[in-house]
Amino acid sequence: MKHCDEVLREIELYLDQELDPTECSEIERHLTGCGSCLQRKEFRVSLRVLIAKKCSHDPTPQELLDRIKQLLASEPS
């Protein structure tokens, strides 16, 4: 089974459906048993929905994209 650091490193790929079925299954299995990783996944899903809702008519400012990338990169493993 995958460890938290692996799951969190791959969570964006998982949400974008860019992982193979085996990897997806491993992440799903981990999420069912790890409340902390599940909360982080749910936060990212909520963030995506909010951004899509608020920014769907205007192009996303590069400054916002950079800030989001910086925040995601600075999350503890």
PDB file of N, CA and C in Angstrom:
ATOM      1  N   MET A   1       0.837  -1.182   0.000  1.00  0.00           N
ATOM      2  CA  MET A   1       0.000   0.000   0.000  1.00  0.00           C
ATOM      3  C   MET A   1       0.880   1.243   0.000  1.00  0.00           C
ATOM      4  N   LYS A   2       0.394   2.278  -0.640  1.00  0.00           N
ATOM      5  CA  LYS A   2       1.144   3.526  -0.719  1.00  0.00           C
ATOM      6  C   LYS A   2       1.165   4.226   0.638  1.00  0.00           C
ATOM      7  N   HIS A   3       2.220   5.004   0.866  1.00  0.00           N
ATOM      8  CA  HIS A   3       2.351   5.810   2.072  1.00  0.00           C
ATOM      9  C   HIS A   3       1.827   7.214   1.786  1.00  0.00           C
ATOM     10  N   CYS A   4       1.552   7.965   2.850  1.00  0.00           N
ATOM     11  CA  CYS A   4       0.978   9.301   2.723  1.00  0.00           C
ATOM     12  C   CYS A   4       1.786  10.200   1.791  1.00  0.00           C
ATOM     13  N   ASP A   5       3.102  10.199   1.922  1.00  0.00           N
ATOM     14  CA  ASP A   5       3.912  11.086   1.086  1.00  0.00           C
ATOM     15  C   ASP A   5       3.757  10.749  -0.393  1.00  0.00           C
ATOM     16  N   GLU A   6       3.646   9.481  -0.726  1.00  0.00           N
ATOM     17  CA  GLU A   6       3.443   9.079  -2.122  1.00  0.00           C
ATOM     18  C   GLU A   6       2.068   9.511  -2.625  1.00  0.00           C
ATOM     19  N   VAL A   7       1.061   9.307  -1.804  1.00  0.00           N
ATOM     20  CA  VAL A   7      -0.306   9.664  -2.195  1.00  0.00           C
ATOM     21  C   VAL A   7      -0.408  11.166  -2.421  1.00  0.00           C
ATOM     22  N   LEU A   8       0.113  11.949  -1.489  1.00  0.00           N
ATOM     23  CA  LEU A   8       0.008  13.400  -1.612  1.00  0.00           C
ATOM     24  C   LEU A   8       0.822  13.926  -2.789  1.00  0.00           C
ATOM     25  N   ARG A   9       1.897  13.260  -3.113  1.00  0.00           N
ATOM     26  CA  ARG A   9       2.715  13.658  -4.260  1.00  0.00           C
ATOM     27  C   ARG A   9       1.968  13.385  -5.572  1.00  0.00           C
ATOM     28  N   GLU A  10       1.112  12.370  -5.577  1.00  0.00           N
ATOM     29  CA  GLU A  10       0.410  11.965  -6.800  1.00  0.00           C
ATOM     30  C   GLU A  10      -1.063  12.381  -6.836  1.00  0.00           C
ATOM     31  N   ILE A  11      -1.530  13.097  -5.806  1.00  0.00           N
ATOM     32  CA  ILE A  11      -2.968  13.364  -5.697  1.00  0.00           C
ATOM     33  C   ILE A  11      -3.504  14.194  -6.865  1.00  0.00           C
ATOM     34  N   GLU A  12      -2.734  15.148  -7.348  1.00  0.00           N
ATOM     35  CA  GLU A  12      -3.192  15.961  -8.482  1.00  0.00           C
ATOM     36  C   GLU A  12      -3.317  15.108  -9.740  1.00  0.00           C
ATOM     37  N   LEU A  13      -2.375  14.212  -9.957  1.00  0.00           N
ATOM     38  CA  LEU A  13      -2.463  13.305 -11.102  1.00  0.00           C
ATOM     39  C   LEU A  13      -3.678  12.400 -10.967  1.00  0.00           C
ATOM     40  N   TYR A  14      -3.948  11.972  -9.746  1.00  0.00           N
ATOM     41  CA  TYR A  14      -5.123  11.140  -9.482  1.00  0.00           C
ATOM     42  C   TYR A  14      -6.402  11.913  -9.804  1.00  0.00           C
ATOM     43  N   LEU A  15      -6.496  13.145  -9.308  1.00  0.00           N
ATOM     44  CA  LEU A  15      -7.691  13.955  -9.545  1.00  0.00           C
ATOM     45  C   LEU A  15      -7.876  14.286 -11.023  1.00  0.00           C
ATOM     46  N   ASP A  16      -6.781  14.402 -11.746  1.00  0.00           N
ATOM     47  CA  ASP A  16      -6.833  14.678 -13.191  1.00  0.00           C
ATOM     48  C   ASP A  16      -7.011  13.404 -14.006  1.00  0.00           C
ATOM     49  N   GLN A  17      -7.110  12.276 -13.342  1.00  0.00           N
ATOM     50  CA  GLN A  17      -7.264  10.965 -13.983  1.00  0.00           C
ATOM     51  C   GLN A  17      -6.115  10.678 -14.954  1.00  0.00           C
ATOM     52  N   GLU A  18      -4.915  10.990 -14.498  1.00  0.00           N
ATOM     53  CA  GLU A  18      -3.723  10.793 -15.317  1.00  0.00           C
ATOM     54  C   GLU A  18      -2.884   9.605 -14.853  1.00  0.00           C
ATOM     55  N   LEU A  19      -3.395   8.835 -13.919  1.00  0.00           N
ATOM     56  CA  LEU A  19      -2.672   7.657 -13.439  1.00  0.00           C
ATOM     57  C   LEU A  19      -3.297   6.396 -14.023  1.00  0.00           C
ATOM     58  N   ASP A  20      -2.505   5.351 -14.095  1.00  0.00           N
ATOM     59  CA  ASP A  20      -3.052   4.084 -14.590  1.00  0.00           C
ATOM     60  C   ASP A  20      -3.991   3.499 -13.533  1.00  0.00           C
ATOM     61  N   PRO A  21      -4.852   2.576 -13.930  1.00  0.00           N
ATOM     62  CA  PRO A  21      -5.849   2.017 -13.008  1.00  0.00           C
ATOM     63  C   PRO A  21      -5.260   1.400 -11.739  1.00  0.00           C
ATOM     64  N   THR A  22      -4.103   0.790 -11.844  1.00  0.00           N
ATOM     65  CA  THR A  22      -3.476   0.190 -10.663  1.00  0.00           C
ATOM     66  C   THR A  22      -3.097   1.263  -9.656  1.00  0.00           C
ATOM     67  N   GLU A  23      -2.478   2.347 -10.137  1.00  0.00           N
ATOM     68  CA  GLU A  23      -2.100   3.459  -9.261  1.00  0.00           C
ATOM     69  C   GLU A  23      -3.333   4.074  -8.620  1.00  0.00           C
ATOM     70  N   CYS A  24      -4.395   4.251  -9.404  1.00  0.00           N
ATOM     71  CA  CYS A  24      -5.651   4.812  -8.880  1.00  0.00           C
ATOM     72  C   CYS A  24      -6.209   3.933  -7.769  1.00  0.00           C
ATOM     73  N   SER A  25      -6.191   2.653  -7.985  1.00  0.00           N
ATOM     74  CA  SER A  25      -6.697   1.717  -6.977  1.00  0.00           C
ATOM     75  C   SER A  25      -5.894   1.796  -5.682  1.00  0.00           C
ATOM     76  N   GLU A  26      -4.590   1.908  -5.806  1.00  0.00           N
ATOM     77  CA  GLU A  26      -3.739   2.009  -4.621  1.00  0.00           C
ATOM     78  C   GLU A  26      -4.027   3.284  -3.849  1.00  0.00           C
ATOM     79  N   ILE A  27      -4.203   4.388  -4.575  1.00  0.00           N
ATOM     80  CA  ILE A  27      -4.511   5.656  -3.915  1.00  0.00           C
ATOM     81  C   ILE A  27      -5.880   5.584  -3.251  1.00  0.00           C
ATOM     82  N   GLU A  28      -6.871   5.037  -3.944  1.00  0.00           N
ATOM     83  CA  GLU A  28      -8.213   4.906  -3.374  1.00  0.00           C
ATOM     84  C   GLU A  28      -8.199   4.043  -2.116  1.00  0.00           C
ATOM     85  N   ARG A  29      -7.448   2.976  -2.158  1.00  0.00           N
ATOM     86  CA  ARG A  29      -7.321   2.094  -0.998  1.00  0.00           C
ATOM     87  C   ARG A  29      -6.704   2.858   0.178  1.00  0.00           C
ATOM     88  N   HIS A  30      -5.683   3.650  -0.104  1.00  0.00           N
ATOM     89  CA  HIS A  30      -5.042   4.446   0.944  1.00  0.00           C
ATOM     90  C   HIS A  30      -6.026   5.471   1.513  1.00  0.00           C
ATOM     91  N   LEU A  31      -6.755   6.138   0.633  1.00  0.00           N
ATOM     92  CA  LEU A  31      -7.686   7.180   1.077  1.00  0.00           C
ATOM     93  C   LEU A  31      -8.790   6.629   1.974  1.00  0.00           C
ATOM     94  N   THR A  32      -9.197   5.396   1.742  1.00  0.00           N
ATOM     95  CA  THR A  32     -10.248   4.813   2.583  1.00  0.00           C
ATOM     96  C   THR A  32      -9.764   4.563   4.004  1.00  0.00           C
ATOM     97  N   GLY A  33      -8.455   4.448   4.193  1.00  0.00           N
ATOM     98  CA  GLY A  33      -7.925   4.176   5.520  1.00  0.00           C
ATOM     99  C   GLY A  33      -7.153   5.314   6.150  1.00  0.00           C
ATOM    100  N   CYS A  34      -7.062   6.450   5.465  1.00  0.00           N
ATOM    101  CA  CYS A  34      -6.255   7.562   5.982  1.00  0.00           C
ATOM    102  C   CYS A  34      -7.073   8.853   5.931  1.00  0.00           C
ATOM    103  N   GLY A  35      -7.613   9.235   7.073  1.00  0.00           N
ATOM    104  CA  GLY A  35      -8.437  10.428   7.153  1.00  0.00           C
ATOM    105  C   GLY A  35      -7.692  11.696   6.786  1.00  0.00           C
ATOM    106  N   SER A  36      -6.427  11.771   7.135  1.00  0.00           N
ATOM    107  CA  SER A  36      -5.632  12.963   6.850  1.00  0.00           C
ATOM    108  C   SER A  36      -5.478  13.176   5.339  1.00  0.00           C
ATOM    109  N   CYS A  37      -5.126  12.133   4.635  1.00  0.00           N
ATOM    110  CA  CYS A  37      -4.971  12.241   3.172  1.00  0.00           C
ATOM    111  C   CYS A  37      -6.320  12.480   2.504  1.00  0.00           C
ATOM    112  N   LEU A  38      -7.363  11.858   3.030  1.00  0.00           N
ATOM    113  CA  LEU A  38      -8.698  12.060   2.482  1.00  0.00           C
ATOM    114  C   LEU A  38      -9.118  13.517   2.638  1.00  0.00           C
ATOM    115  N   GLN A  39      -8.826  14.125   3.779  1.00  0.00           N
ATOM    116  CA  GLN A  39      -9.143  15.539   3.986  1.00  0.00           C
ATOM    117  C   GLN A  39      -8.391  16.420   2.994  1.00  0.00           C
ATOM    118  N   ARG A  40      -7.135  16.125   2.769  1.00  0.00           N
ATOM    119  CA  ARG A  40      -6.349  16.912   1.807  1.00  0.00           C
ATOM    120  C   ARG A  40      -6.895  16.753   0.399  1.00  0.00           C
ATOM    121  N   LYS A  41      -7.304  15.540   0.048  1.00  0.00           N
ATOM    122  CA  LYS A  41      -7.906  15.309  -1.267  1.00  0.00           C
ATOM    123  C   LYS A  41      -9.198  16.097  -1.397  1.00  0.00           C
ATOM    124  N   GLU A  42     -10.048  16.039  -0.380  1.00  0.00           N
ATOM    125  CA  GLU A  42     -11.320  16.757  -0.421  1.00  0.00           C
ATOM    126  C   GLU A  42     -11.104  18.263  -0.497  1.00  0.00           C
ATOM    127  N   PHE A  43     -10.081  18.767   0.195  1.00  0.00           N
ATOM    128  CA  PHE A  43      -9.758  20.190   0.105  1.00  0.00           C
ATOM    129  C   PHE A  43      -9.382  20.558  -1.325  1.00  0.00           C
ATOM    130  N   ARG A  44      -8.549  19.754  -1.943  1.00  0.00           N
ATOM    131  CA  ARG A  44      -8.126  20.045  -3.309  1.00  0.00           C
ATOM    132  C   ARG A  44      -9.297  19.995  -4.284  1.00  0.00           C
ATOM    133  N   VAL A  45     -10.210  19.054  -4.078  1.00  0.00           N
ATOM    134  CA  VAL A  45     -11.408  18.972  -4.922  1.00  0.00           C
ATOM    135  C   VAL A  45     -12.238  20.243  -4.727  1.00  0.00           C
ATOM    136  N   SER A  46     -12.438  20.647  -3.486  1.00  0.00           N
ATOM    137  CA  SER A  46     -13.211  21.862  -3.200  1.00  0.00           C
ATOM    138  C   SER A  46     -12.538  23.091  -3.794  1.00  0.00           C
ATOM    139  N   LEU A  47     -11.230  23.151  -3.695  1.00  0.00           N
ATOM    140  CA  LEU A  47     -10.486  24.273  -4.262  1.00  0.00           C
ATOM    141  C   LEU A  47     -10.661  24.333  -5.771  1.00  0.00           C
ATOM    142  N   ARG A  48     -10.604  23.205  -6.430  1.00  0.00           N
ATOM    143  CA  ARG A  48     -10.796  23.152  -7.883  1.00  0.00           C
ATOM    144  C   ARG A  48     -12.186  23.643  -8.269  1.00  0.00           C
ATOM    145  N   VAL A  49     -13.199  23.214  -7.510  1.00  0.00           N
ATOM    146  CA  VAL A  49     -14.572  23.627  -7.789  1.00  0.00           C
ATOM    147  C   VAL A  49     -14.717  25.135  -7.606  1.00  0.00           C
ATOM    148  N   LEU A  50     -14.172  25.652  -6.518  1.00  0.00           N
ATOM    149  CA  LEU A  50     -14.247  27.083  -6.248  1.00  0.00           C
ATOM    150  C   LEU A  50     -13.546  27.897  -7.329  1.00  0.00           C
ATOM    151  N   ILE A  51     -12.376  27.476  -7.712  1.00  0.00           N
ATOM    152  CA  ILE A  51     -11.630  28.185  -8.756  1.00  0.00           C
ATOM    153  C   ILE A  51     -12.394  28.136 -10.078  1.00  0.00           C
ATOM    154  N   ALA A  52     -12.915  26.980 -10.423  1.00  0.00           N
ATOM    155  CA  ALA A  52     -13.680  26.857 -11.671  1.00  0.00           C
ATOM    156  C   ALA A  52     -14.906  27.761 -11.650  1.00  0.00           C
ATOM    157  N   LYS A  53     -15.567  27.826 -10.512  1.00  0.00           N
ATOM    158  CA  LYS A  53     -16.780  28.644 -10.390  1.00  0.00           C
ATOM    159  C   LYS A  53     -16.456  30.135 -10.472  1.00  0.00           C
ATOM    160  N   LYS A  54     -15.435  30.552  -9.761  1.00  0.00           N
ATOM    161  CA  LYS A  54     -15.101  31.971  -9.677  1.00  0.00           C
ATOM    162  C   LYS A  54     -14.303  32.485 -10.867  1.00  0.00           C
ATOM    163  N   CYS A  55     -13.608  31.621 -11.536  1.00  0.00           N
ATOM    164  CA  CYS A  55     -12.697  32.071 -12.597  1.00  0.00           C
ATOM    165  C   CYS A  55     -13.083  31.550 -13.974  1.00  0.00           C
ATOM    166  N   SER A  56     -14.261  31.010 -14.107  1.00  0.00           N
ATOM    167  CA  SER A  56     -14.614  30.382 -15.377  1.00  0.00           C
ATOM    168  C   SER A  56     -14.791  31.368 -16.520  1.00  0.00           C
ATOM    169  N   HIS A  57     -15.092  32.612 -16.205  1.00  0.00           N
ATOM    170  CA  HIS A  57     -15.330  33.587 -17.270  1.00  0.00           C
ATOM    171  C   HIS A  57     -14.102  34.421 -17.605  1.00  0.00           C
ATOM    172  N   ASP A  58     -13.194  34.473 -16.699  1.00  0.00           N
ATOM    173  CA  ASP A  58     -11.982  35.262 -16.891  1.00  0.00           C
ATOM    174  C   ASP A  58     -10.777  34.329 -16.914  1.00  0.00           C
ATOM    175  N   PRO A  59      -9.752  34.706 -17.653  1.00  0.00           N
ATOM    176  CA  PRO A  59      -8.542  33.877 -17.612  1.00  0.00           C
ATOM    177  C   PRO A  59      -7.939  33.928 -16.203  1.00  0.00           C
ATOM    178  N   THR A  60      -7.373  32.812 -15.792  1.00  0.00           N
ATOM    179  CA  THR A  60      -6.765  32.748 -14.468  1.00  0.00           C
ATOM    180  C   THR A  60      -5.488  33.583 -14.459  1.00  0.00           C
ATOM    181  N   PRO A  61      -5.408  34.530 -13.531  1.00  0.00           N
ATOM    182  CA  PRO A  61      -4.194  35.360 -13.458  1.00  0.00           C
ATOM    183  C   PRO A  61      -2.972  34.507 -13.135  1.00  0.00           C
ATOM    184  N   GLN A  62      -1.895  34.770 -13.806  1.00  0.00           N
ATOM    185  CA  GLN A  62      -0.665  34.005 -13.581  1.00  0.00           C
ATOM    186  C   GLN A  62      -0.224  34.097 -12.127  1.00  0.00           C
ATOM    187  N   GLU A  63      -0.446  35.234 -11.510  1.00  0.00           N
ATOM    188  CA  GLU A  63      -0.081  35.428 -10.110  1.00  0.00           C
ATOM    189  C   GLU A  63      -0.815  34.419  -9.210  1.00  0.00           C
ATOM    190  N   LEU A  64      -2.088  34.172  -9.489  1.00  0.00           N
ATOM    191  CA  LEU A  64      -2.860  33.200  -8.726  1.00  0.00           C
ATOM    192  C   LEU A  64      -2.330  31.787  -8.960  1.00  0.00           C
ATOM    193  N   LEU A  65      -2.066  31.442 -10.201  1.00  0.00           N
ATOM    194  CA  LEU A  65      -1.522  30.125 -10.504  1.00  0.00           C
ATOM    195  C   LEU A  65      -0.200  29.893  -9.780  1.00  0.00           C
ATOM    196  N   ASP A  66       0.665  30.908  -9.805  1.00  0.00           N
ATOM    197  CA  ASP A  66       1.959  30.795  -9.131  1.00  0.00           C
ATOM    198  C   ASP A  66       1.786  30.615  -7.626  1.00  0.00           C
ATOM    199  N   ARG A  67       0.843  31.352  -7.051  1.00  0.00           N
ATOM    200  CA  ARG A  67       0.601  31.262  -5.598  1.00  0.00           C
ATOM    201  C   ARG A  67       0.073  29.873  -5.229  1.00  0.00           C
ATOM    202  N   ILE A  68      -0.845  29.348  -6.010  1.00  0.00           N
ATOM    203  CA  ILE A  68      -1.397  28.021  -5.736  1.00  0.00           C
ATOM    204  C   ILE A  68      -0.306  26.965  -5.848  1.00  0.00           C
ATOM    205  N   LYS A  69       0.513  27.051  -6.883  1.00  0.00           N
ATOM    206  CA  LYS A  69       1.618  26.090  -7.035  1.00  0.00           C
ATOM    207  C   LYS A  69       2.580  26.173  -5.853  1.00  0.00           C
ATOM    208  N   GLN A  70       2.848  27.395  -5.425  1.00  0.00           N
ATOM    209  CA  GLN A  70       3.764  27.596  -4.289  1.00  0.00           C
ATOM    210  C   GLN A  70       3.173  26.984  -3.016  1.00  0.00           C
ATOM    211  N   LEU A  71       1.897  27.206  -2.787  1.00  0.00           N
ATOM    212  CA  LEU A  71       1.242  26.637  -1.599  1.00  0.00           C
ATOM    213  C   LEU A  71       1.246  25.114  -1.627  1.00  0.00           C
ATOM    214  N   LEU A  72       0.936  24.544  -2.779  1.00  0.00           N
ATOM    215  CA  LEU A  72       0.926  23.084  -2.895  1.00  0.00           C
ATOM    216  C   LEU A  72       2.323  22.507  -2.706  1.00  0.00           C
ATOM    217  N   ALA A  73       3.320  23.192  -3.233  1.00  0.00           N
ATOM    218  CA  ALA A  73       4.700  22.704  -3.112  1.00  0.00           C
ATOM    219  C   ALA A  73       5.205  22.807  -1.677  1.00  0.00           C
ATOM    220  N   SER A  74       4.659  23.742  -0.905  1.00  0.00           N
ATOM    221  CA  SER A  74       5.153  23.938   0.457  1.00  0.00           C
ATOM    222  C   SER A  74       4.427  23.085   1.487  1.00  0.00           C
ATOM    223  N   GLU A  75       3.423  22.306   1.076  1.00  0.00           N
ATOM    224  CA  GLU A  75       2.723  21.438   2.011  1.00  0.00           C
ATOM    225  C   GLU A  75       3.683  20.406   2.564  1.00  0.00           C
ATOM    226  N   PRO A  76       3.576  20.160   3.877  1.00  0.00           N
ATOM    227  CA  PRO A  76       4.461  19.119   4.453  1.00  0.00           C
ATOM    228  C   PRO A  76       4.114  17.749   3.893  1.00  0.00           C
ATOM    229  N   SER A  77       5.132  16.936   3.800  1.00  0.00           N
ATOM    230  CA  SER A  77       4.944  15.569   3.265  1.00  0.00           C
ATOM    231  C   SER A  77       4.221  14.700   4.241  1.00  0.00           C
TER     232      SER A  77
END
